[in-house]
Each structure stands twice: as C-alpha cells, then as structure tokens.
Amino acid sequence: MTTQARTGPLAPRRGGTAPSATVVTLTLVTGAVDTLSFMALGDVFTSVMTANLALLGLSVGSDDLTLTGHVAVALAGYTCGVLLGSRLSAPGKPAQAPQRAALAVETLLFCGFLAGWIAVDGRPAGGAEMGLLATAAVAMGCQSGMVRVVGTPTMSTTYLTGTLTGILAELATKGRLQRANVVLIAVLPVGAVLSAILVTWARVYAPVLPAGLLLGATLLSFVPPGESLPEAHSPAGPAAGSGKVDP
C-alpha cells in the first residue's frame, strides 16, 4: 500500500473500520450520477461498465442503434476519464496534490455538465444529450482512475460489485465483517434515491447534487487526515479493485 493510501484523505479511519468522509462523498456521487444518466441520458450508466458492456451486446443483438450509440459514448468517455484521473494521480507526486488535482478536474467537469444541463432545461436531446453523457462519463472515469491509483489496493467508490463480493467472501472464509465497505454499499443507494427524487420532481436542478458533493469532496481533500490505516492491517494479497478492505 502506498503512503498516499495510508495517510491521505482516502485512507480508512478508526483502524480501517470506517471509510473516510471523502470516500463516502465520492460513493454518494456515484449513486447520484449513475441514476441521473440512466434516467435522463439514454438508459446507460457512467461508471458501471459491466452493465454497459452487457447493454452493448443487447443493443447490437436487438438492432437498437440508438442504445449502441449511447453505450459507445459512455464507454469512450469513461476510458478517457480513467486515463486522465490515473495520470493526474501518478505515483511519485506529493501525497495530497494528485488527489486534489483529480478531484478538481472532476468537479470542473461536472460544473460544466450542470451548466449544459440547465441550458437545455434539464431535457437534453440529440447532440446535447451525447455531450452531457460524455462529460459525465469522463468525470466518473476520472474519479475511478484517481481512487485506483491513490486509494488502498482494494478500495473503490464505483466498482461496488467487487466490494460486495469482498464483503461476503471475507465473511464466509474468515468470519470478519468489512465494516468500511458495508458503509459504502449502504451509501450508494442513498445517492441514487436523492438523485431520482430530483430528476422526478426538480429535474433542472438534479445535477446540483453531484456537483455539490464533488465540491465538498475537493474541499475535504484539503483537511489534514485523521487516524490513518495501520501498516499492520495492510492487505497483502488481493488485487486492486476486488472490493476487499481488511478491517
């Protein structure tokens, strides 16, 4: 595990039993943005690429060219975002600065998304819809790349299938409950519920939620970290992105 992962704003607190405020906030963003994109940007996701790949196959098999186009844009945007976020968070840079840079870029992207969304009164179509979808996908990819590079080896704020798998596997094999990851599993639907309410009842203001959360996450990255994850609890074996966090 890197020094960044042990001491930065993404490091788990309380000896690894609780996720940091930044990680919780980013997970809320994931739930909010995926819900917004699915409800208003062509029935696709901006961070769940497993689902998008399945939708790609579905769209090709059913000759749904519209869905194919939306999935392609989401995949391309996410790919570019991961490359950007990973590059901004490259190892060897100061422990906090890479996180701040990637979070700032993601926040700026979503502020641009918010401006574009308001400009079309929250009902994008055609090129505007594709442009907003691409922007949101780049932003979520940037978040995923940043967390992958500077977080703990098993941390994710977007890949919650792996997180759930890790929780259950650890419980079944070692009898331990990964409390930090349980919190993230519980948090993501909260972001989704709030986003769905906004899209349904205050559509034009729906992106204010993730934009505000991202601004908060960026500000949190400037707060000196509290209790860091002890070296003794650093996971030795699991691959990055598997969703396991050793409490």
Protein backbone atom coordinates (compact mmCIF):
# COMPACT_ATOMS: atom_id res chain seq x y z
CA MET A 1 0.00 0.00 0.00
CA THR A 2 1.33 3.47 -0.83
CA THR A 3 1.95 6.26 1.66
CA GLN A 4 -0.86 8.14 -0.04
CA ALA A 5 -3.26 5.30 0.67
CA ARG A 6 -2.28 5.08 4.35
CA THR A 7 -2.31 8.80 5.17
CA GLY A 8 -4.27 10.73 2.55
CA PRO A 9 -7.93 11.77 2.63
CA LEU A 10 -8.94 8.45 1.04
CA ALA A 11 -7.44 6.36 3.86
CA PRO A 12 -9.90 4.45 6.07
CA ARG A 13 -10.36 5.77 9.60
CA ARG A 14 -10.61 4.07 13.00
CA GLY A 15 -8.08 1.38 12.18
CA GLY A 16 -9.75 0.61 8.85
CA THR A 17 -13.28 0.06 10.17
CA ALA A 18 -14.76 3.27 8.73
CA PRO A 19 -14.32 4.88 5.31
CA SER A 20 -13.09 8.46 5.13
CA ALA A 21 -15.55 11.30 4.54
CA THR A 22 -14.06 11.82 1.08
CA VAL A 23 -14.67 8.20 0.06
CA VAL A 24 -18.24 8.30 1.40
CA THR A 25 -18.89 11.51 -0.52
CA LEU A 26 -17.50 10.09 -3.76
CA THR A 27 -19.65 6.98 -3.37
CA LEU A 28 -22.72 9.19 -2.98
CA VAL A 29 -21.67 10.91 -6.21
CA THR A 30 -21.52 7.55 -7.98
CA GLY A 31 -25.07 6.68 -6.98
CA ALA A 32 -26.33 10.12 -7.97
CA VAL A 33 -24.61 10.30 -11.36
CA ASP A 34 -25.44 6.76 -12.46
CA THR A 35 -29.08 7.34 -11.59
CA LEU A 36 -29.13 10.66 -13.44
CA SER A 37 -27.53 9.17 -16.54
CA PHE A 38 -29.82 6.14 -16.59
CA MET A 39 -32.99 8.18 -16.12
CA ALA A 40 -32.15 11.11 -18.40
CA LEU A 41 -29.24 10.28 -20.71
CA GLY A 42 -30.28 7.25 -22.71
CA ASP A 43 -30.66 4.37 -20.22
CA VAL A 44 -26.92 3.85 -19.76
CA PHE A 45 -24.51 4.22 -16.85
CA THR A 46 -21.47 6.44 -16.46
CA SER A 47 -19.44 4.28 -14.07
CA VAL A 48 -20.85 0.73 -14.29
CA MET A 49 -19.02 -0.56 -17.34
CA THR A 50 -20.02 -4.18 -16.72
CA ALA A 51 -23.65 -3.20 -17.23
CA ASN A 52 -22.75 -1.03 -20.20
CA LEU A 53 -20.92 -3.87 -21.91
CA ALA A 54 -23.98 -6.06 -21.43
CA LEU A 55 -26.13 -3.25 -22.83
CA LEU A 56 -23.77 -3.01 -25.80
CA GLY A 57 -24.34 -6.66 -26.60
CA LEU A 58 -28.07 -6.27 -26.05
CA SER A 59 -28.26 -3.26 -28.35
CA VAL A 60 -26.29 -4.95 -31.13
CA GLY A 61 -28.32 -8.15 -30.84
CA SER A 62 -31.63 -6.28 -30.90
CA ASP A 63 -30.53 -3.83 -33.62
CA ASP A 64 -31.04 -0.83 -31.33
CA LEU A 65 -28.60 1.64 -32.87
CA THR A 66 -29.65 4.45 -30.54
CA LEU A 67 -28.70 2.45 -27.47
CA THR A 68 -25.49 1.31 -29.16
CA GLY A 69 -24.50 4.93 -29.69
CA HIS A 70 -25.18 5.88 -26.09
CA VAL A 71 -23.22 2.91 -24.74
CA ALA A 72 -20.29 3.68 -27.06
CA VAL A 73 -20.16 7.29 -25.84
CA ALA A 74 -20.29 6.20 -22.19
CA LEU A 75 -17.53 3.63 -22.69
CA ALA A 76 -15.30 6.06 -24.58
CA GLY A 77 -15.84 8.84 -22.06
CA TYR A 78 -15.15 6.57 -19.11
CA THR A 79 -11.97 5.27 -20.74
CA CYS A 80 -10.67 8.79 -21.32
CA GLY A 81 -11.56 9.73 -17.76
CA VAL A 82 -9.70 6.80 -16.23
CA LEU A 83 -6.60 7.66 -18.24
CA LEU A 84 -6.86 11.30 -17.14
CA GLY A 85 -7.53 10.59 -13.47
CA SER A 86 -4.77 7.99 -13.28
CA ARG A 87 -2.29 10.32 -14.94
CA LEU A 88 -3.12 13.19 -12.59
CA SER A 89 -2.67 10.84 -9.63
CA ALA A 90 0.54 9.18 -10.83
CA PRO A 91 2.82 7.80 -8.08
CA GLY A 92 5.76 9.92 -7.04
CA LYS A 93 3.81 13.15 -6.70
CA PRO A 94 3.01 14.78 -3.33
CA ALA A 95 0.61 12.69 -1.27
CA GLN A 96 -2.28 15.17 -1.33
CA ALA A 97 -1.75 17.16 -4.55
CA PRO A 98 -2.66 14.36 -7.03
CA GLN A 99 -5.95 13.73 -5.26
CA ARG A 100 -6.74 17.41 -5.24
CA ALA A 101 -5.91 17.77 -8.91
CA ALA A 102 -8.06 14.83 -9.99
CA LEU A 103 -10.94 15.87 -7.74
CA ALA A 104 -10.73 19.45 -9.01
CA VAL A 105 -10.86 18.26 -12.62
CA GLU A 106 -13.83 16.01 -11.89
CA THR A 107 -15.60 18.87 -10.13
CA LEU A 108 -14.97 21.26 -13.03
CA LEU A 109 -16.28 18.67 -15.48
CA PHE A 110 -19.47 18.29 -13.53
CA CYS A 111 -19.90 22.03 -13.11
CA GLY A 112 -19.70 22.19 -16.90
CA PHE A 113 -22.26 19.39 -17.04
CA LEU A 114 -24.53 21.40 -14.73
CA ALA A 115 -24.26 24.48 -16.94
CA GLY A 116 -25.08 22.46 -20.06
CA TRP A 117 -27.97 20.71 -18.32
CA ILE A 118 -29.53 23.99 -17.21
CA ALA A 119 -29.05 25.44 -20.69
CA VAL A 120 -31.37 22.77 -22.13
CA ASP A 121 -33.78 22.99 -19.19
CA GLY A 122 -32.84 19.53 -17.97
CA ARG A 123 -34.16 17.78 -21.07
CA PRO A 124 -31.19 17.18 -23.38
CA ALA A 125 -31.66 15.54 -26.76
CA GLY A 126 -29.52 14.71 -29.76
CA GLY A 127 -26.02 16.18 -29.64
CA ALA A 128 -26.63 17.87 -26.28
CA GLU A 129 -27.56 14.55 -24.73
CA MET A 130 -24.46 12.85 -26.11
CA GLY A 131 -22.24 15.72 -24.99
CA LEU A 132 -23.58 15.63 -21.46
CA LEU A 133 -23.29 11.85 -21.33
CA ALA A 134 -19.67 12.03 -22.47
CA THR A 135 -18.87 14.72 -19.88
CA ALA A 136 -20.41 12.72 -17.04
CA ALA A 137 -18.62 9.55 -18.14
CA VAL A 138 -15.25 11.33 -18.29
CA ALA A 139 -15.87 12.73 -14.79
CA MET A 140 -16.71 9.30 -13.35
CA GLY A 141 -13.77 7.69 -15.10
CA CYS A 142 -11.51 10.38 -13.63
CA GLN A 143 -12.80 9.52 -10.16
CA SER A 144 -12.30 5.79 -10.71
CA GLY A 145 -8.75 6.26 -12.00
CA MET A 146 -7.80 8.51 -9.11
CA VAL A 147 -9.18 6.14 -6.46
CA ARG A 148 -7.47 3.17 -8.13
CA VAL A 149 -4.07 4.90 -8.08
CA VAL A 150 -4.03 6.66 -4.70
CA GLY A 151 -6.55 4.67 -2.66
CA THR A 152 -5.93 1.44 -0.80
CA PRO A 153 -5.34 -1.53 -3.13
CA THR A 154 -8.86 -2.82 -2.54
CA MET A 155 -10.76 0.47 -2.42
CA SER A 156 -13.38 1.51 -4.94
CA THR A 157 -16.09 4.16 -5.00
CA THR A 158 -17.57 2.94 -8.29
CA TYR A 159 -16.90 -0.83 -8.52
CA LEU A 160 -19.37 -1.93 -5.85
CA THR A 161 -19.89 -5.43 -7.29
CA GLY A 162 -16.34 -6.22 -6.24
CA THR A 163 -16.94 -4.53 -2.90
CA LEU A 164 -20.00 -6.68 -2.18
CA THR A 165 -18.12 -9.80 -3.30
CA GLY A 166 -15.26 -8.93 -0.96
CA ILE A 167 -17.58 -8.42 1.99
CA LEU A 168 -19.29 -11.78 1.52
CA ALA A 169 -16.08 -13.70 0.75
CA GLU A 170 -14.34 -12.30 3.83
CA LEU A 171 -17.35 -13.09 5.99
CA ALA A 172 -17.59 -16.65 4.65
CA THR A 173 -13.89 -17.50 4.87
CA LYS A 174 -12.67 -15.53 7.91
CA GLY A 175 -15.83 -14.63 9.78
CA ARG A 176 -14.96 -10.94 9.61
CA LEU A 177 -17.26 -8.14 8.54
CA GLN A 178 -15.64 -5.42 6.45
CA ARG A 179 -17.40 -2.51 8.11
CA ALA A 180 -15.87 0.20 5.95
CA ASN A 181 -17.13 -1.50 2.80
CA VAL A 182 -20.57 -2.16 4.30
CA VAL A 183 -20.88 1.59 4.78
CA LEU A 184 -20.10 2.20 1.10
CA ILE A 185 -22.65 -0.41 -0.01
CA ALA A 186 -25.27 1.36 2.11
CA VAL A 187 -24.28 4.83 0.95
CA LEU A 188 -24.51 4.36 -2.82
CA PRO A 189 -28.30 3.75 -2.88
CA VAL A 190 -28.75 6.91 -0.81
CA GLY A 191 -27.14 8.95 -3.57
CA ALA A 192 -29.32 7.14 -6.10
CA VAL A 193 -32.53 7.83 -4.16
CA LEU A 194 -31.75 11.53 -3.79
CA SER A 195 -30.88 11.82 -7.47
CA ALA A 196 -34.05 10.02 -8.55
CA ILE A 197 -36.15 12.36 -6.42
CA LEU A 198 -34.52 15.39 -8.02
CA VAL A 199 -34.88 14.06 -11.57
CA THR A 200 -38.55 13.31 -10.90
CA TRP A 201 -39.58 16.44 -9.02
CA ALA A 202 -36.93 19.11 -9.70
CA ARG A 203 -35.33 17.89 -12.91
CA VAL A 204 -33.47 21.03 -13.89
CA TYR A 205 -31.64 21.04 -10.54
CA ALA A 206 -30.74 17.34 -10.48
CA PRO A 207 -27.01 17.80 -11.27
CA VAL A 208 -26.65 20.24 -8.37
CA LEU A 209 -26.45 17.22 -6.04
CA PRO A 210 -23.36 15.53 -7.54
CA ALA A 211 -21.73 18.88 -8.34
CA GLY A 212 -22.15 19.99 -4.74
CA LEU A 213 -20.91 16.67 -3.39
CA LEU A 214 -17.84 16.83 -5.61
CA LEU A 215 -17.08 20.35 -4.44
CA GLY A 216 -17.35 19.07 -0.88
CA ALA A 217 -15.03 16.14 -1.63
CA THR A 218 -12.48 18.52 -3.13
CA LEU A 219 -12.60 20.73 -0.04
CA LEU A 220 -12.31 17.67 2.21
CA SER A 221 -9.06 16.75 0.45
CA PHE A 222 -7.52 19.87 2.00
CA VAL A 223 -8.43 18.78 5.53
CA PRO A 224 -5.49 17.17 7.36
CA PRO A 225 -6.13 13.42 7.58
CA GLY A 226 -7.09 11.97 10.94
CA GLU A 227 -6.30 8.46 12.03
CA SER A 228 -4.60 6.54 9.23
CA LEU A 229 -4.81 2.88 8.38
CA PRO A 230 -2.18 1.00 10.46
CA GLU A 231 0.56 -0.69 8.47
CA ALA A 232 -0.17 -3.96 10.25
CA HIS A 233 -3.60 -4.07 8.67
CA SER A 234 -2.39 -3.53 5.11
CA PRO A 235 -3.77 -6.24 2.81
CA ALA A 236 -1.02 -8.45 1.49
CA GLY A 237 -2.51 -10.27 -1.40
CA PRO A 238 -5.77 -9.18 -3.03
CA ALA A 239 -5.61 -7.45 -6.35
CA ALA A 240 -6.70 -3.83 -6.74
CA GLY A 241 -10.36 -3.31 -7.40
CA SER A 242 -11.52 -6.57 -5.85
CA GLY A 243 -13.55 -4.65 -3.29
CA LYS A 244 -11.97 -6.19 -0.17
CA VAL A 245 -10.83 -3.97 2.69
CA ASP A 246 -9.14 -5.68 5.58
CA PRO A 247 -10.65 -4.36 8.79
